[in-house]
Amino acid sequence: MKKIITGLFFRLIKGFEIWVLLSLMLIASVYINYQLIEYELGFFSESAFVNPEDRDYYRFSELGVSAHDTYWYCYEPIADESYDRLFNANTSAPVEPDVFVMALSLNLIVPSVLMMVFIPVFFGRMFSNKTIKNYIACGFSKGTIFISAMLFTFIIDSALYLTGLFAFALVCVLAGWMPPIYLPVALSVILIMLLILFTMSSVCLAVLFISYSELLSLVAGFLMLLLMFMPVGLDSYYKVNGSYDYNDEASHEYIQIIKEKGDNVFSSKLDPTELVVRTYYSDKEIAIYKGSSLTPGERASALAVVYADPFVTEWIIWDNTLPVCLLVRDGFMAIKAASNVFWILFFAYTGITFFKKRELPS
């Protein structure tokens, strides 16, 4: 396996593909991250919602507030001093965690497009120039060849995604912006984005090794990109989340507590089986939501779509639907990681099984 992967890297470095991929990745990522930071925070223009001379004051890095408190602001009680700074200053700081997480997610788009083209072109040559037959003649099994190719694509996936993160860091330097980096959230989002990219590559590679057709592999890649931009899982999330009615009595209780105690006394928890955020005061739930209008079967099928859709995490982040800190802490991200690992293993098994059964093209 090591010899195959080494040989693939040698072919890659000798060719032009990797340099084209990295160049396109860097250029496109700089542009996307620039547009994101400018649109959300206005750090590059004079049209920002704060005066340019005051802009530094309004950033997270200048408030003396920890990244932890910035992420958990409004979702868990934090130090009163931190809460007051985030609330009273009317700053952009509460928005900055969302922008940072969105950047981690948006940096998945360009490598996804590039890899869906790279895999058919690069690995398609292995069939057209009889490299596969040479590997088998050297004693490598078809399973070893497929797994080696898959691990190789995962390495390229990671390199492209990391290039996107480098571009994001470069834009942050140009903007003079130090984003709030809360490691539990940042590492979880990066892991999910990589697993999504690995899933897409696994599908594209499996189709190529099953069909021996670059065109079919390209079509499979296009369909995966199409699915990535179709909010199937997000629609099912809204179906579940929107099926709960408000409890007026609990809402009045919630408002009364705010009047008496302020807003920095509530805890939030995401229920992964219902996809609603529960609110607690002094360890007691304030039942703002009451029974779902969906039948158990309807709710189960909608939840199955949410957790089966490999791209739903992206959409939840893009749509700013649920707080990412709750997604990480309360198990949603762990379920989605397991779901993507399942799809990777499924397509790897499918690709190996059919590749073993098929005769190589003459």
Protein backbone atom coordinates (compact mmCIF):
# COMPACT_ATOMS: atom_id res chain seq x y z
CA MET A 1 0.00 0.00 0.00
CA LYS A 2 2.81 2.40 0.89
CA LYS A 3 4.48 1.79 -2.48
CA ILE A 4 1.26 2.54 -4.36
CA ILE A 5 0.65 5.78 -2.46
CA THR A 6 4.29 6.82 -2.97
CA GLY A 7 3.96 6.11 -6.68
CA LEU A 8 0.78 8.16 -6.88
CA PHE A 9 2.50 11.11 -5.21
CA PHE A 10 5.42 10.79 -7.62
CA ARG A 11 3.00 10.91 -10.56
CA LEU A 12 1.20 13.85 -8.99
CA ILE A 13 4.33 15.93 -8.39
CA LYS A 14 5.61 15.22 -11.89
CA GLY A 15 2.32 16.33 -13.41
CA PHE A 16 0.67 19.73 -13.41
CA GLU A 17 -2.57 18.83 -11.64
CA ILE A 18 -1.49 19.47 -8.05
CA TRP A 19 -0.06 22.90 -8.85
CA VAL A 20 -3.23 23.87 -10.70
CA LEU A 21 -5.35 22.59 -7.81
CA LEU A 22 -3.38 24.46 -5.14
CA SER A 23 -3.27 27.67 -7.19
CA LEU A 24 -7.00 27.63 -7.90
CA MET A 25 -7.71 26.73 -4.29
CA LEU A 26 -5.65 29.61 -2.94
CA ILE A 27 -7.04 32.23 -5.34
CA ALA A 28 -10.67 31.15 -4.95
CA SER A 29 -10.39 30.84 -1.17
CA VAL A 30 -8.87 34.30 -0.76
CA TYR A 31 -11.74 35.75 -2.79
CA ILE A 32 -14.46 33.83 -0.88
CA ASN A 33 -13.04 34.67 2.54
CA TYR A 34 -12.57 38.32 1.60
CA GLN A 35 -16.19 38.56 0.49
CA LEU A 36 -17.40 36.80 3.65
CA ILE A 37 -15.50 39.04 6.08
CA GLU A 38 -16.37 42.18 4.15
CA TYR A 39 -20.07 41.32 3.90
CA GLU A 40 -20.49 40.18 7.50
CA LEU A 41 -18.15 42.54 9.33
CA GLY A 42 -17.26 45.34 6.92
CA PHE A 43 -13.61 45.46 8.04
CA PHE A 44 -12.30 46.41 4.61
CA SER A 45 -14.65 49.26 3.74
CA GLU A 46 -15.70 52.64 5.01
CA SER A 47 -19.32 51.48 4.98
CA ALA A 48 -18.93 49.42 8.15
CA PHE A 49 -21.63 49.95 10.74
CA VAL A 50 -19.14 51.60 13.11
CA ASN A 51 -16.86 54.55 12.53
CA PRO A 52 -13.44 53.51 11.16
CA GLU A 53 -11.61 55.23 14.04
CA ASP A 54 -13.68 53.20 16.54
CA ARG A 55 -13.52 49.93 14.67
CA ASP A 56 -10.82 48.30 16.79
CA TYR A 57 -12.87 48.86 19.92
CA TYR A 58 -15.80 46.97 18.48
CA ARG A 59 -13.86 43.76 17.82
CA PHE A 60 -13.82 40.69 20.01
CA SER A 61 -10.05 40.91 20.43
CA GLU A 62 -10.30 44.39 21.98
CA LEU A 63 -13.05 43.68 24.52
CA GLY A 64 -11.07 41.56 26.96
CA VAL A 65 -13.61 38.75 26.64
CA SER A 66 -12.59 35.10 26.23
CA ALA A 67 -13.51 33.11 23.13
CA HIS A 68 -15.43 30.71 25.39
CA ASP A 69 -17.66 33.51 26.69
CA THR A 70 -18.17 34.93 23.20
CA TYR A 71 -19.45 31.57 21.92
CA TRP A 72 -21.64 30.83 24.94
CA TYR A 73 -23.08 34.35 25.19
CA CYS A 74 -26.89 33.97 25.39
CA TYR A 75 -26.67 30.17 25.64
CA GLU A 76 -25.06 29.65 29.06
CA PRO A 77 -24.47 32.00 32.00
CA ILE A 78 -21.08 33.68 31.66
CA ALA A 79 -19.18 36.15 33.82
CA ASP A 80 -21.31 39.27 34.33
CA GLU A 81 -18.46 41.52 33.22
CA SER A 82 -18.10 39.61 29.95
CA TYR A 83 -21.86 39.62 29.40
CA ASP A 84 -22.07 43.36 29.96
CA ARG A 85 -19.25 44.05 27.52
CA LEU A 86 -20.83 41.89 24.83
CA PHE A 87 -24.33 43.23 25.42
CA ASN A 88 -23.93 46.90 26.24
CA ALA A 89 -21.24 47.87 23.77
CA ASN A 90 -23.43 46.91 20.77
CA THR A 91 -20.37 45.39 19.14
CA SER A 92 -19.73 43.03 16.27
CA ALA A 93 -18.14 40.60 18.73
CA PRO A 94 -21.23 38.37 19.19
CA VAL A 95 -21.36 37.95 15.40
CA GLU A 96 -17.68 37.05 15.02
CA PRO A 97 -18.00 33.39 16.14
CA ASP A 98 -20.66 32.84 13.45
CA VAL A 99 -18.43 34.43 10.80
CA PHE A 100 -15.45 32.32 11.87
CA VAL A 101 -17.45 29.06 11.80
CA MET A 102 -19.04 30.02 8.49
CA ALA A 103 -15.56 30.55 7.03
CA LEU A 104 -14.54 27.05 8.13
CA SER A 105 -17.63 25.72 6.37
CA LEU A 106 -17.42 27.80 3.19
CA ASN A 107 -13.83 26.67 2.67
CA LEU A 108 -15.27 23.26 1.81
CA ILE A 109 -16.87 24.43 -1.44
CA VAL A 110 -13.80 24.98 -3.61
CA PRO A 111 -11.97 21.72 -2.76
CA SER A 112 -15.24 19.83 -3.32
CA VAL A 113 -15.54 21.19 -6.86
CA LEU A 114 -11.86 20.65 -7.65
CA MET A 115 -11.76 17.08 -6.32
CA MET A 116 -14.86 16.04 -8.25
CA VAL A 117 -12.89 16.90 -11.42
CA PHE A 118 -9.46 15.76 -10.22
CA ILE A 119 -10.48 12.20 -9.29
CA PRO A 120 -11.88 11.17 -12.71
CA VAL A 121 -8.98 12.82 -14.56
CA PHE A 122 -6.10 11.64 -12.37
CA PHE A 123 -7.29 8.11 -11.57
CA GLY A 124 -8.92 7.63 -14.96
CA ARG A 125 -5.40 7.54 -16.43
CA MET A 126 -4.65 4.50 -14.26
CA PHE A 127 -7.11 2.55 -16.39
CA SER A 128 -6.33 4.13 -19.75
CA ASN A 129 -2.53 3.67 -19.49
CA LYS A 130 -2.77 0.18 -17.90
CA THR A 131 -1.20 1.27 -14.58
CA ILE A 132 -3.81 -0.82 -12.73
CA LYS A 133 -2.66 -3.95 -14.58
CA ASN A 134 0.94 -3.18 -13.65
CA TYR A 135 -0.02 -2.94 -9.96
CA ILE A 136 -1.80 -6.30 -10.13
CA ALA A 137 1.15 -7.85 -11.97
CA CYS A 138 3.36 -6.70 -9.09
CA GLY A 139 1.22 -8.67 -6.67
CA PHE A 140 -1.09 -5.97 -5.28
CA SER A 141 -4.71 -7.00 -4.76
CA LYS A 142 -7.58 -4.94 -6.13
CA GLY A 143 -8.66 -4.16 -2.57
CA THR A 144 -5.22 -2.79 -1.72
CA ILE A 145 -5.19 -0.67 -4.88
CA PHE A 146 -8.61 0.83 -4.11
CA ILE A 147 -7.80 1.57 -0.46
CA SER A 148 -4.49 3.14 -1.46
CA ALA A 149 -6.25 5.35 -4.00
CA MET A 150 -8.85 6.33 -1.40
CA LEU A 151 -6.22 7.23 1.24
CA PHE A 152 -4.36 9.22 -1.39
CA THR A 153 -7.50 11.23 -2.24
CA PHE A 154 -8.06 11.87 1.46
CA ILE A 155 -4.55 13.33 1.73
CA ILE A 156 -5.21 15.61 -1.25
CA ASP A 157 -8.61 16.55 0.21
CA SER A 158 -6.93 17.57 3.46
CA ALA A 159 -4.18 19.52 1.67
CA LEU A 160 -6.74 21.52 -0.31
CA TYR A 161 -8.90 22.24 2.72
CA LEU A 162 -5.87 23.34 4.74
CA THR A 163 -4.90 25.61 1.84
CA GLY A 164 -8.33 27.20 2.20
CA LEU A 165 -7.72 27.74 5.92
CA PHE A 166 -4.37 29.32 5.08
CA ALA A 167 -6.18 31.69 2.69
CA PHE A 168 -8.65 32.53 5.45
CA ALA A 169 -5.78 33.31 7.85
CA LEU A 170 -4.19 35.49 5.17
CA VAL A 171 -7.40 37.49 4.72
CA CYS A 172 -7.72 37.85 8.51
CA VAL A 173 -4.21 39.35 8.60
CA LEU A 174 -5.12 41.78 5.80
CA ALA A 175 -8.28 42.75 7.70
CA GLY A 176 -6.43 43.05 10.99
CA TRP A 177 -9.03 40.68 12.47
CA MET A 178 -8.29 38.17 15.21
CA PRO A 179 -11.32 35.85 15.16
CA PRO A 180 -12.50 34.18 18.36
CA ILE A 181 -11.08 30.66 18.12
CA TYR A 182 -12.76 28.28 20.55
CA LEU A 183 -10.97 24.99 19.96
CA PRO A 184 -13.79 22.52 20.79
CA VAL A 185 -15.95 24.19 18.14
CA ALA A 186 -13.19 24.90 15.60
CA LEU A 187 -11.78 21.36 15.64
CA SER A 188 -15.25 19.77 15.48
CA VAL A 189 -16.29 21.86 12.48
CA ILE A 190 -13.00 21.19 10.68
CA LEU A 191 -13.40 17.45 11.30
CA ILE A 192 -16.96 17.45 9.94
CA MET A 193 -15.96 19.44 6.85
CA LEU A 194 -13.12 17.00 6.12
CA LEU A 195 -15.44 14.02 6.58
CA ILE A 196 -17.92 15.58 4.14
CA LEU A 197 -15.11 16.04 1.63
CA PHE A 198 -13.94 12.45 2.20
CA THR A 199 -17.51 11.22 1.62
CA MET A 200 -17.77 13.03 -1.70
CA SER A 201 -14.38 11.71 -2.82
CA SER A 202 -15.35 8.16 -1.81
CA VAL A 203 -18.46 8.29 -3.99
CA CYS A 204 -16.57 9.66 -6.99
CA LEU A 205 -13.75 7.12 -6.60
CA ALA A 206 -16.10 4.17 -6.08
CA VAL A 207 -18.04 4.98 -9.26
CA LEU A 208 -14.79 5.22 -11.24
CA PHE A 209 -13.43 1.88 -9.99
CA ILE A 210 -16.79 0.16 -10.53
CA SER A 211 -17.52 1.53 -14.01
CA TYR A 212 -13.98 2.26 -15.32
CA SER A 213 -15.61 5.37 -16.80
CA GLU A 214 -14.25 8.86 -16.22
CA LEU A 215 -17.52 10.31 -17.50
CA LEU A 216 -19.67 8.38 -15.00
CA SER A 217 -17.32 9.37 -12.19
CA LEU A 218 -17.59 12.99 -13.28
CA VAL A 219 -21.39 12.71 -13.34
CA ALA A 220 -21.35 11.19 -9.85
CA GLY A 221 -19.22 14.09 -8.66
CA PHE A 222 -21.61 16.57 -10.24
CA LEU A 223 -24.58 14.90 -8.53
CA MET A 224 -22.79 15.08 -5.17
CA LEU A 225 -22.16 18.80 -5.71
CA LEU A 226 -25.82 19.22 -6.65
CA LEU A 227 -26.86 17.42 -3.47
CA MET A 228 -24.51 19.62 -1.44
CA PHE A 229 -26.40 22.70 -2.61
CA MET A 230 -29.84 21.17 -2.05
CA PRO A 231 -31.02 21.72 1.55
CA VAL A 232 -32.72 18.33 1.83
CA GLY A 233 -31.67 17.73 5.42
CA LEU A 234 -32.32 21.35 6.37
CA ASP A 235 -35.90 21.13 5.08
CA SER A 236 -36.43 18.02 7.22
CA TYR A 237 -34.92 19.85 10.20
CA TYR A 238 -37.44 22.67 9.77
CA LYS A 239 -40.21 20.09 9.45
CA VAL A 240 -39.30 18.66 12.87
CA ASN A 241 -38.41 21.93 14.56
CA GLY A 242 -41.44 23.78 13.22
CA SER A 243 -43.87 21.13 14.42
CA TYR A 244 -43.68 22.30 18.04
CA ASP A 245 -46.10 24.90 19.38
CA TYR A 246 -45.19 27.64 21.81
CA ASN A 247 -46.31 27.28 25.39
CA ASP A 248 -47.70 30.72 26.21
CA GLU A 249 -47.60 30.15 29.96
CA ALA A 250 -43.92 29.14 29.87
CA SER A 251 -43.15 32.10 27.60
CA HIS A 252 -44.65 34.47 30.18
CA GLU A 253 -42.59 32.79 32.90
CA TYR A 254 -39.47 33.22 30.75
CA ILE A 255 -40.15 36.94 30.24
CA GLN A 256 -40.83 37.45 33.93
CA ILE A 257 -37.49 35.88 34.88
CA ILE A 258 -35.72 38.19 32.43
CA LYS A 259 -37.39 41.19 34.04
CA GLU A 260 -36.36 40.09 37.52
CA LYS A 261 -32.99 38.42 36.99
CA GLY A 262 -31.77 39.54 33.59
CA ASP A 263 -30.87 37.44 30.55
CA ASN A 264 -27.61 35.96 31.83
CA VAL A 265 -29.22 33.25 33.97
CA PHE A 266 -30.47 30.75 31.40
CA SER A 267 -28.87 27.54 30.15
CA SER A 268 -29.63 26.03 26.77
CA LYS A 269 -29.49 22.44 25.64
CA LEU A 270 -30.09 20.94 22.21
CA ASP A 271 -32.17 17.79 22.16
CA PRO A 272 -30.80 15.75 19.20
CA THR A 273 -33.94 13.58 19.11
CA GLU A 274 -36.25 16.57 18.71
CA LEU A 275 -33.93 19.23 17.21
CA VAL A 276 -35.17 21.95 19.51
CA VAL A 277 -33.20 24.03 22.00
CA ARG A 278 -34.49 23.58 25.55
CA THR A 279 -34.15 26.46 28.02
CA TYR A 280 -33.33 25.93 31.70
CA TYR A 281 -33.33 28.18 34.74
CA SER A 282 -31.76 26.86 37.96
CA ASP A 283 -31.71 23.35 36.42
CA LYS A 284 -35.45 23.50 35.79
CA GLU A 285 -36.72 23.45 32.21
CA ILE A 286 -38.89 26.30 31.07
CA ALA A 287 -41.01 24.32 28.63
CA ILE A 288 -41.34 26.96 25.92
CA TYR A 289 -42.10 24.23 23.36
CA LYS A 290 -44.91 21.75 23.71
CA GLY A 291 -45.95 18.62 21.82
CA SER A 292 -45.07 18.05 18.19
CA SER A 293 -47.83 17.97 15.59
CA LEU A 294 -45.99 15.19 13.73
CA THR A 295 -46.80 11.55 14.24
CA PRO A 296 -43.95 9.39 15.65
CA GLY A 297 -43.44 7.90 12.19
CA GLU A 298 -43.28 11.29 10.48
CA ARG A 299 -40.82 12.61 13.06
CA ALA A 300 -38.64 9.49 12.82
CA SER A 301 -38.49 9.67 9.02
CA ALA A 302 -37.63 13.39 9.08
CA LEU A 303 -34.90 12.81 11.68
CA ALA A 304 -33.53 9.96 9.53
CA VAL A 305 -33.20 12.34 6.59
CA VAL A 306 -31.45 14.95 8.77
CA TYR A 307 -28.90 12.50 10.11
CA ALA A 308 -28.42 10.64 6.80
CA ASP A 309 -27.78 13.81 4.78
CA PRO A 310 -23.99 14.26 4.78
CA PHE A 311 -24.32 17.99 4.03
CA VAL A 312 -26.89 19.08 6.62
CA THR A 313 -24.25 20.44 9.02
CA GLU A 314 -23.09 22.85 6.33
CA TRP A 315 -26.60 24.11 5.80
CA ILE A 316 -27.25 24.56 9.51
CA ILE A 317 -24.07 26.65 9.75
CA TRP A 318 -24.81 28.64 6.57
CA ASP A 319 -28.40 29.26 7.66
CA ASN A 320 -27.28 30.10 11.23
CA THR A 321 -30.10 27.83 12.36
CA LEU A 322 -28.65 26.38 15.58
CA PRO A 323 -25.78 27.57 17.80
CA VAL A 324 -22.67 25.61 16.84
CA CYS A 325 -21.50 25.37 20.46
CA LEU A 326 -24.68 23.41 21.25
CA LEU A 327 -24.25 21.22 18.16
CA VAL A 328 -20.80 20.26 19.43
CA ARG A 329 -21.54 19.86 23.14
CA ASP A 330 -24.90 18.10 22.90
CA GLY A 331 -23.96 15.36 20.47
CA PHE A 332 -25.28 16.49 17.09
CA MET A 333 -21.77 16.81 15.62
CA ALA A 334 -20.79 13.39 16.97
CA ILE A 335 -23.83 11.81 15.29
CA LYS A 336 -23.02 13.58 12.02
CA ALA A 337 -19.39 12.46 12.19
CA ALA A 338 -20.54 8.86 12.65
CA SER A 339 -22.99 9.28 9.76
CA ASN A 340 -20.26 10.49 7.40
CA VAL A 341 -17.90 7.72 8.49
CA PHE A 342 -20.69 5.24 7.70
CA TRP A 343 -21.07 6.63 4.17
CA ILE A 344 -17.30 6.57 3.62
CA LEU A 345 -17.09 2.92 4.70
CA PHE A 346 -20.20 2.03 2.70
CA PHE A 347 -18.87 3.43 -0.56
CA ALA A 348 -15.42 2.00 0.11
CA TYR A 349 -16.92 -1.47 0.63
CA THR A 350 -19.15 -1.10 -2.43
CA GLY A 351 -16.24 0.09 -4.59
CA ILE A 352 -13.93 -2.72 -3.47
CA THR A 353 -16.61 -5.42 -3.84
CA PHE A 354 -17.56 -4.54 -7.41
CA PHE A 355 -13.98 -3.74 -8.44
CA LYS A 356 -12.90 -7.23 -7.37
CA LYS A 357 -15.66 -8.85 -9.39
CA ARG A 358 -15.07 -6.98 -12.62
CA GLU A 359 -12.51 -7.80 -15.26
CA LEU A 360 -10.08 -5.02 -16.07
CA PRO A 361 -10.60 -3.22 -19.38
CA SER A 362 -8.42 -4.56 -22.15
